[in-house]
Protein backbone atom coordinates (compact mmCIF):
# COMPACT_ATOMS: atom_id res chain seq x y z
CA MET A 1 51.54 -67.10 -90.68
CA GLU A 2 52.07 -63.64 -89.63
CA GLU A 3 54.04 -61.40 -91.87
CA GLU A 4 56.77 -59.54 -90.14
CA ASP A 5 57.01 -55.75 -90.79
CA PRO A 6 60.12 -55.25 -93.00
CA HIS A 7 61.11 -51.99 -91.11
CA GLU A 8 61.12 -53.55 -87.78
CA GLY A 9 64.81 -54.51 -87.73
CA SER A 10 65.81 -50.84 -88.90
CA LEU A 11 63.38 -49.59 -86.11
CA HIS A 12 65.46 -52.05 -83.39
CA LEU A 13 68.64 -50.48 -85.07
CA GLN A 14 67.60 -47.01 -84.70
CA GLN A 15 66.91 -47.84 -80.85
CA ILE A 16 70.11 -49.57 -80.47
CA ARG A 17 71.97 -46.77 -82.17
CA SER A 18 70.16 -44.30 -79.92
CA ARG A 19 71.33 -46.08 -76.77
CA VAL A 20 74.90 -46.50 -77.98
CA LYS A 21 74.80 -42.56 -78.72
CA GLU A 22 73.60 -42.01 -75.07
CA LEU A 23 76.28 -43.99 -73.66
CA GLU A 24 78.98 -42.17 -75.91
CA LEU A 25 77.57 -38.70 -74.93
CA LEU A 26 77.51 -39.97 -71.12
CA HIS A 27 81.05 -41.03 -71.00
CA ARG A 28 82.29 -38.01 -72.87
CA ASN A 29 80.56 -35.77 -70.28
CA CYS A 30 82.42 -37.74 -67.70
CA ARG A 31 85.69 -37.58 -69.04
CA ASP A 32 85.34 -34.00 -70.05
CA GLU A 33 83.66 -32.66 -66.64
CA PRO A 34 84.55 -28.90 -66.24
CA GLU A 35 87.52 -28.24 -63.77
CA GLU A 36 85.30 -26.17 -61.77
CA SER A 37 82.85 -28.89 -60.87
CA ARG A 38 86.06 -31.52 -59.95
CA SER A 39 87.29 -28.50 -57.77
CA SER A 40 83.47 -28.01 -55.95
CA ASP A 41 83.59 -31.92 -55.42
CA SER A 42 86.89 -31.97 -54.14
CA GLN A 43 86.37 -28.86 -51.85
CA THR A 44 83.27 -30.55 -50.44
CA LEU A 45 85.31 -33.66 -49.63
CA VAL A 46 88.02 -31.64 -48.04
CA GLN A 47 85.44 -29.82 -46.09
CA ASP A 48 84.22 -33.45 -44.84
CA PHE A 49 87.58 -34.32 -43.75
CA SER A 50 88.12 -31.48 -42.05
CA LEU A 51 85.02 -31.76 -39.89
CA GLN A 52 86.32 -35.63 -39.26
CA PHE A 53 89.74 -34.21 -38.14
CA GLU A 54 88.15 -31.59 -35.96
CA THR A 55 85.83 -34.48 -34.34
CA LYS A 56 89.59 -36.34 -33.47
CA VAL A 57 91.27 -33.23 -32.15
CA LYS A 58 88.26 -32.87 -30.00
CA GLU A 59 88.77 -36.48 -28.75
CA VAL A 60 92.09 -36.31 -28.05
CA ALA A 61 91.75 -32.81 -26.19
CA GLU A 62 88.76 -34.58 -24.03
CA GLU A 63 91.16 -37.35 -23.17
CA TYR A 64 93.84 -34.95 -21.74
CA ILE A 65 91.37 -32.33 -20.54
CA ASP A 66 93.11 -32.48 -17.13
CA VAL A 67 96.13 -30.67 -18.26
CA ASP A 68 96.62 -28.81 -14.83
CA LEU A 69 97.20 -32.08 -13.08
CA LEU A 70 99.95 -33.33 -15.99
CA ASP A 71 103.54 -33.68 -15.00
CA VAL A 72 106.74 -34.18 -17.21
CA GLU A 73 106.13 -37.87 -17.62
CA ASP A 74 102.37 -37.71 -18.36
CA SER A 75 103.72 -34.81 -21.06
CA ASP A 76 105.85 -37.52 -22.26
CA ALA A 77 103.28 -39.82 -22.59
CA TYR A 78 101.08 -37.47 -24.21
CA LEU A 79 104.10 -36.62 -27.12
CA GLU A 80 104.33 -40.16 -27.61
CA TYR A 81 100.98 -40.91 -28.14
CA LEU A 82 100.79 -37.58 -30.54
CA ARG A 83 103.78 -39.81 -32.22
CA LYS A 84 101.92 -42.88 -32.46
CA GLU A 85 99.33 -40.84 -34.29
CA LEU A 86 101.51 -39.31 -36.68
CA HIS A 87 102.84 -42.66 -37.88
CA SER A 88 99.39 -44.08 -38.44
CA VAL A 89 98.42 -41.08 -40.70
CA GLU A 90 101.70 -41.55 -42.56
CA ALA A 91 101.29 -45.51 -43.13
CA GLU A 92 97.76 -44.66 -44.11
CA SER A 93 98.58 -42.09 -46.20
CA ALA A 94 101.36 -44.36 -48.07
CA LYS A 95 98.42 -46.81 -48.94
CA VAL A 96 96.17 -44.11 -49.75
CA SER A 97 98.85 -43.09 -52.74
CA GLU A 98 99.41 -46.42 -53.98
CA GLU A 99 95.56 -46.96 -54.05
CA ILE A 100 95.28 -43.61 -56.02
CA GLU A 101 98.03 -44.51 -58.60
CA ARG A 102 96.08 -48.31 -59.21
CA LEU A 103 93.03 -46.71 -59.47
CA SER A 104 94.08 -43.75 -61.81
CA MET A 105 95.87 -46.56 -64.08
CA SER A 106 92.95 -48.69 -64.13
CA HIS A 107 90.75 -45.69 -64.78
CA ALA A 108 92.63 -44.68 -67.99
CA GLN A 109 92.73 -48.05 -69.31
CA ASP A 110 88.86 -48.83 -68.77
CA SER A 111 87.86 -45.25 -70.32
CA THR A 112 90.21 -46.00 -73.72
CA ARG A 113 88.51 -49.52 -73.88
CA LEU A 114 85.10 -48.30 -73.57
CA GLU A 115 85.76 -45.36 -75.70
CA ARG A 116 87.05 -48.05 -78.29
CA ASP A 117 84.38 -50.38 -77.76
CA LEU A 118 81.61 -47.58 -78.52
CA GLU A 119 83.05 -46.71 -81.58
CA GLY A 120 82.90 -50.46 -82.83
CA LEU A 121 79.41 -50.70 -81.93
CA LEU A 122 78.58 -47.81 -83.89
CA LEU A 123 80.52 -48.73 -86.73
CA SER A 124 78.72 -52.24 -86.76
CA LEU A 125 75.19 -50.50 -86.45
CA ASP A 126 76.26 -48.67 -89.49
CA SER A 127 77.22 -51.82 -91.31
CA MET A 128 74.20 -53.35 -90.30
CA SER A 129 71.94 -50.49 -91.56
CA SER A 130 73.72 -50.20 -95.04
CA GLN A 131 73.12 -54.08 -95.23
CA ASP A 132 69.51 -53.59 -95.10
CA VAL A 133 69.43 -50.83 -97.37
CA GLU A 134 71.17 -53.07 -99.81
CA LYS A 135 69.04 -55.84 -99.15
CA SER A 136 65.83 -53.78 -99.50
CA LYS A 137 66.97 -52.64 -103.01
CA GLU A 138 67.94 -56.17 -104.41
CA ASN A 139 65.09 -57.75 -102.93
CA PRO A 140 65.61 -61.29 -104.23
CA PRO A 141 62.53 -63.38 -104.74
CA PHE A 142 63.40 -66.79 -102.86
CA THR A 143 65.39 -65.31 -100.06
CA SER A 144 64.04 -66.84 -96.79
CA SER A 145 62.79 -63.40 -94.62
CA MET A 146 62.70 -65.55 -91.83
CA ASP A 147 66.27 -66.44 -91.77
CA VAL A 148 67.53 -63.11 -92.38
CA ASN A 149 65.43 -61.73 -89.52
CA ASP A 150 66.58 -64.13 -87.44
CA ASP A 151 69.95 -63.23 -88.32
CA ASP A 152 69.51 -59.88 -87.37
CA LYS A 153 67.98 -60.23 -84.15
CA PHE A 154 70.81 -62.36 -82.98
CA LYS A 155 73.14 -59.66 -83.86
CA MET A 156 71.18 -56.78 -82.44
CA PHE A 157 70.96 -59.06 -79.18
CA GLU A 158 74.59 -59.44 -79.11
CA LEU A 159 74.71 -55.51 -79.63
CA GLU A 160 72.41 -55.09 -76.89
CA ASN A 161 74.56 -57.49 -74.40
CA GLN A 162 77.77 -55.52 -75.24
CA ILE A 163 75.85 -52.26 -74.65
CA GLU A 164 74.41 -53.39 -71.31
CA GLU A 165 78.09 -54.47 -70.71
CA LYS A 166 79.59 -51.17 -71.33
CA ARG A 167 76.82 -49.29 -69.34
CA MET A 168 78.18 -51.35 -66.44
CA ILE A 169 81.74 -50.31 -67.25
CA LEU A 170 80.96 -47.02 -67.52
CA LYS A 171 79.05 -46.90 -63.91
CA SER A 172 82.40 -48.87 -62.66
CA LEU A 173 84.37 -45.79 -63.65
CA GLU A 174 82.19 -43.36 -62.40
CA ASP A 175 82.68 -45.18 -59.27
CA LEU A 176 86.45 -45.19 -59.38
CA ASP A 177 86.46 -41.68 -60.34
CA SER A 178 84.13 -40.75 -57.00
CA VAL A 179 86.62 -43.00 -55.14
CA ARG A 180 89.94 -41.23 -56.73
CA LYS A 181 88.01 -37.79 -55.90
CA ARG A 182 87.82 -38.94 -51.98
CA PHE A 183 91.39 -39.99 -51.84
CA ASP A 184 92.52 -36.64 -53.55
CA ALA A 185 90.62 -34.70 -51.07
CA ALA A 186 92.14 -36.94 -47.94
CA GLU A 187 95.63 -36.05 -49.54
CA GLN A 188 94.58 -32.56 -49.55
CA VAL A 189 93.60 -32.26 -45.72
CA GLU A 190 96.80 -34.36 -45.20
CA ASP A 191 99.07 -32.09 -47.00
CA ALA A 192 97.68 -29.45 -45.07
CA LEU A 193 97.90 -30.76 -41.61
CA THR A 194 101.80 -31.64 -42.24
CA GLY A 195 102.28 -27.86 -42.43
CA LEU A 196 104.96 -28.57 -45.14
CA LYS A 197 105.65 -26.27 -47.81
CA VAL A 198 108.70 -26.76 -50.17
CA LEU A 199 110.51 -23.14 -50.72
CA GLU A 200 113.50 -24.62 -52.97
CA PHE A 201 114.85 -28.05 -54.30
CA ASP A 202 117.45 -29.10 -56.65
CA GLY A 203 119.81 -32.18 -56.64
CA ASN A 204 121.84 -31.22 -53.41
CA PHE A 205 119.46 -29.58 -51.03
CA ILE A 206 115.74 -28.89 -50.12
CA ARG A 207 114.63 -25.76 -48.32
CA LEU A 208 111.37 -26.34 -46.48
CA GLN A 209 108.80 -24.02 -44.43
CA LEU A 210 107.87 -25.94 -41.62
CA ARG A 211 104.66 -25.16 -39.71
CA THR A 212 104.58 -27.04 -36.11
CA TYR A 213 101.47 -27.10 -34.26
CA ILE A 214 101.94 -26.82 -30.30
CA PRO A 215 99.38 -28.40 -28.24
CA LYS A 216 97.76 -26.08 -25.93
CA LEU A 217 98.77 -27.40 -22.30
CA ASP A 218 98.21 -24.37 -20.64
CA GLY A 219 98.56 -26.09 -17.25
CA LEU A 220 102.25 -27.30 -18.12
CA LEU A 221 102.79 -23.87 -20.17
CA GLY A 222 101.51 -21.45 -17.51
CA GLN A 223 103.04 -22.99 -14.27
CA GLN A 224 106.34 -20.45 -14.38
CA LYS A 225 105.12 -18.06 -16.33
CA LEU A 226 103.40 -14.57 -15.66
CA ASP A 227 99.57 -14.61 -16.66
CA HIS A 228 100.28 -12.05 -19.72
CA THR A 229 102.65 -14.72 -21.33
CA THR A 230 101.48 -17.25 -24.04
CA GLU A 231 103.28 -19.43 -26.06
CA PRO A 232 102.18 -19.54 -29.89
CA SER A 233 99.90 -22.47 -31.04
CA GLU A 234 102.11 -22.43 -34.20
CA LEU A 235 105.98 -22.20 -34.77
CA ILE A 236 107.20 -21.74 -38.30
CA HIS A 237 110.87 -22.61 -39.10
CA GLU A 238 112.85 -23.15 -42.42
CA LEU A 239 114.91 -26.49 -42.57
CA LEU A 240 117.63 -26.66 -44.85
CA ILE A 241 118.28 -30.20 -45.95
CA HIS A 242 121.78 -30.95 -47.82
CA LEU A 243 122.09 -34.33 -49.49
CA LYS A 244 124.86 -36.00 -50.82
CA ASP A 245 125.71 -35.88 -54.44
CA LYS A 246 121.98 -35.99 -55.65
CA THR A 247 120.83 -39.05 -53.60
CA THR A 248 118.67 -39.46 -50.47
CA GLU A 249 121.51 -39.20 -48.04
CA ILE A 250 121.54 -36.51 -45.67
CA THR A 251 124.63 -35.09 -44.84
CA LYS A 252 123.85 -31.56 -42.90
CA LEU A 253 120.87 -30.05 -41.64
CA GLU A 254 120.32 -26.22 -40.73
CA MET A 255 117.11 -24.67 -39.22
CA PHE A 256 116.24 -21.17 -39.14
CA PRO A 257 115.43 -19.69 -36.43
CA ASN A 258 118.16 -21.83 -34.54
CA ASP A 259 116.24 -21.74 -31.36
CA VAL A 260 116.12 -25.67 -30.99
CA TYR A 261 119.02 -28.27 -30.49
CA ILE A 262 118.73 -30.94 -33.40
CA GLY A 263 122.52 -31.85 -34.06
CA ASP A 264 121.93 -35.32 -33.16
CA ILE A 265 119.08 -35.96 -35.62
CA ILE A 266 121.32 -35.79 -38.27
CA GLU A 267 122.95 -39.24 -36.63
CA ALA A 268 120.04 -40.69 -35.98
CA ALA A 269 119.27 -40.09 -39.53
CA ASP A 270 122.07 -41.79 -40.81
CA SER A 271 121.13 -45.04 -38.76
CA PHE A 272 117.77 -44.75 -39.76
CA ARG A 273 118.96 -44.83 -43.49
CA GLN A 274 121.42 -47.88 -43.06
CA VAL A 275 118.38 -49.68 -41.46
CA ARG A 276 116.03 -48.69 -44.11
CA LEU A 277 118.87 -49.87 -47.10
CA HIS A 278 118.93 -53.44 -45.23
CA SER A 279 115.59 -54.11 -45.48
CA ALA A 280 114.82 -52.70 -49.05
CA MET A 281 112.33 -50.33 -48.19
CA LEU A 282 114.09 -46.89 -48.93
CA ASP A 283 112.19 -44.51 -50.92
CA ALA A 284 112.92 -41.07 -52.19
CA ARG A 285 110.88 -39.53 -49.54
CA SER A 286 111.57 -41.77 -46.42
CA SER A 287 114.80 -40.28 -44.94
CA VAL A 288 113.47 -36.42 -45.33
CA GLN A 289 110.02 -37.64 -43.72
CA TRP A 290 111.60 -39.27 -41.18
CA VAL A 291 113.92 -36.27 -40.15
CA VAL A 292 110.94 -33.63 -40.47
CA ALA A 293 108.74 -35.69 -38.07
CA LYS A 294 111.79 -36.06 -35.68
CA VAL A 295 112.66 -32.30 -35.73
CA GLN A 296 108.57 -31.64 -35.43
CA ASP A 297 108.83 -33.77 -32.03
CA ARG A 298 111.74 -31.80 -30.84
CA ILE A 299 110.25 -28.42 -31.59
CA ILE A 300 107.39 -29.49 -29.49
CA SER A 301 108.82 -31.14 -26.50
CA THR A 302 111.49 -28.27 -26.31
CA THR A 303 108.53 -25.82 -26.17
CA LEU A 304 106.36 -27.53 -23.87
CA ARG A 305 109.50 -27.97 -21.27
CA LYS A 306 110.03 -24.07 -21.18
């Protein structure tokens, strides 16, 4: 019968320990990834999303390329199309936010579990090594080396399976982190496109800076204007939204400069709030988002009709 090498078990343990150490190092590097690297990845993703958005804008522009032939009804149809696109983006943004929250929680839980399991594997390996040392010192004359080796091999087999399982978990965490970065980049692009900036906020009012993109419908804007007169492609306003007793109910809406009539939007906002309350869908941002969207629609339509 071929005699087994007494050092073979220790060699296997060293190999397993080395693989566990590699996993632990890889997990630590993923967890402690430098902020500069994350920013670089996010910046690349933002650029990708910007290119995609630019392509979408070009498609819309090509669809309405014959702007000289547009009348008021065509203008209204175009604005309605833009409103639908905006609502679609807002709905997708809400889904993305929920997915980011879910992925972040899953990422944190899996990462903690993986770290704990790796520590447990290393402790098990240390314990097995200590047992091997003790057995080699005692060296009992009638102990069945075959039984001992089989038991050690079974434990090592279990450890290898656990290592492979943790490797798959780590790969899954890396994939989730990549998805999370992509969603973060998408939100950065969407935030940039909405043109909103919070200037001041407390429990009773919100002051926003609102940048509104005006479509370049040269045919409509130039029919009754001098050749040297041009409309800006972007208008900047400040919105002061008053809230009732630290709730989401809007009581007053002011805009500076006050060059667009928005008085009827508050009444519509109250009706909107009542509908949302009855449908149990109201959240902390929905009323404000709705009002901002309506104000931007009003700014665009008023500017295009001048």
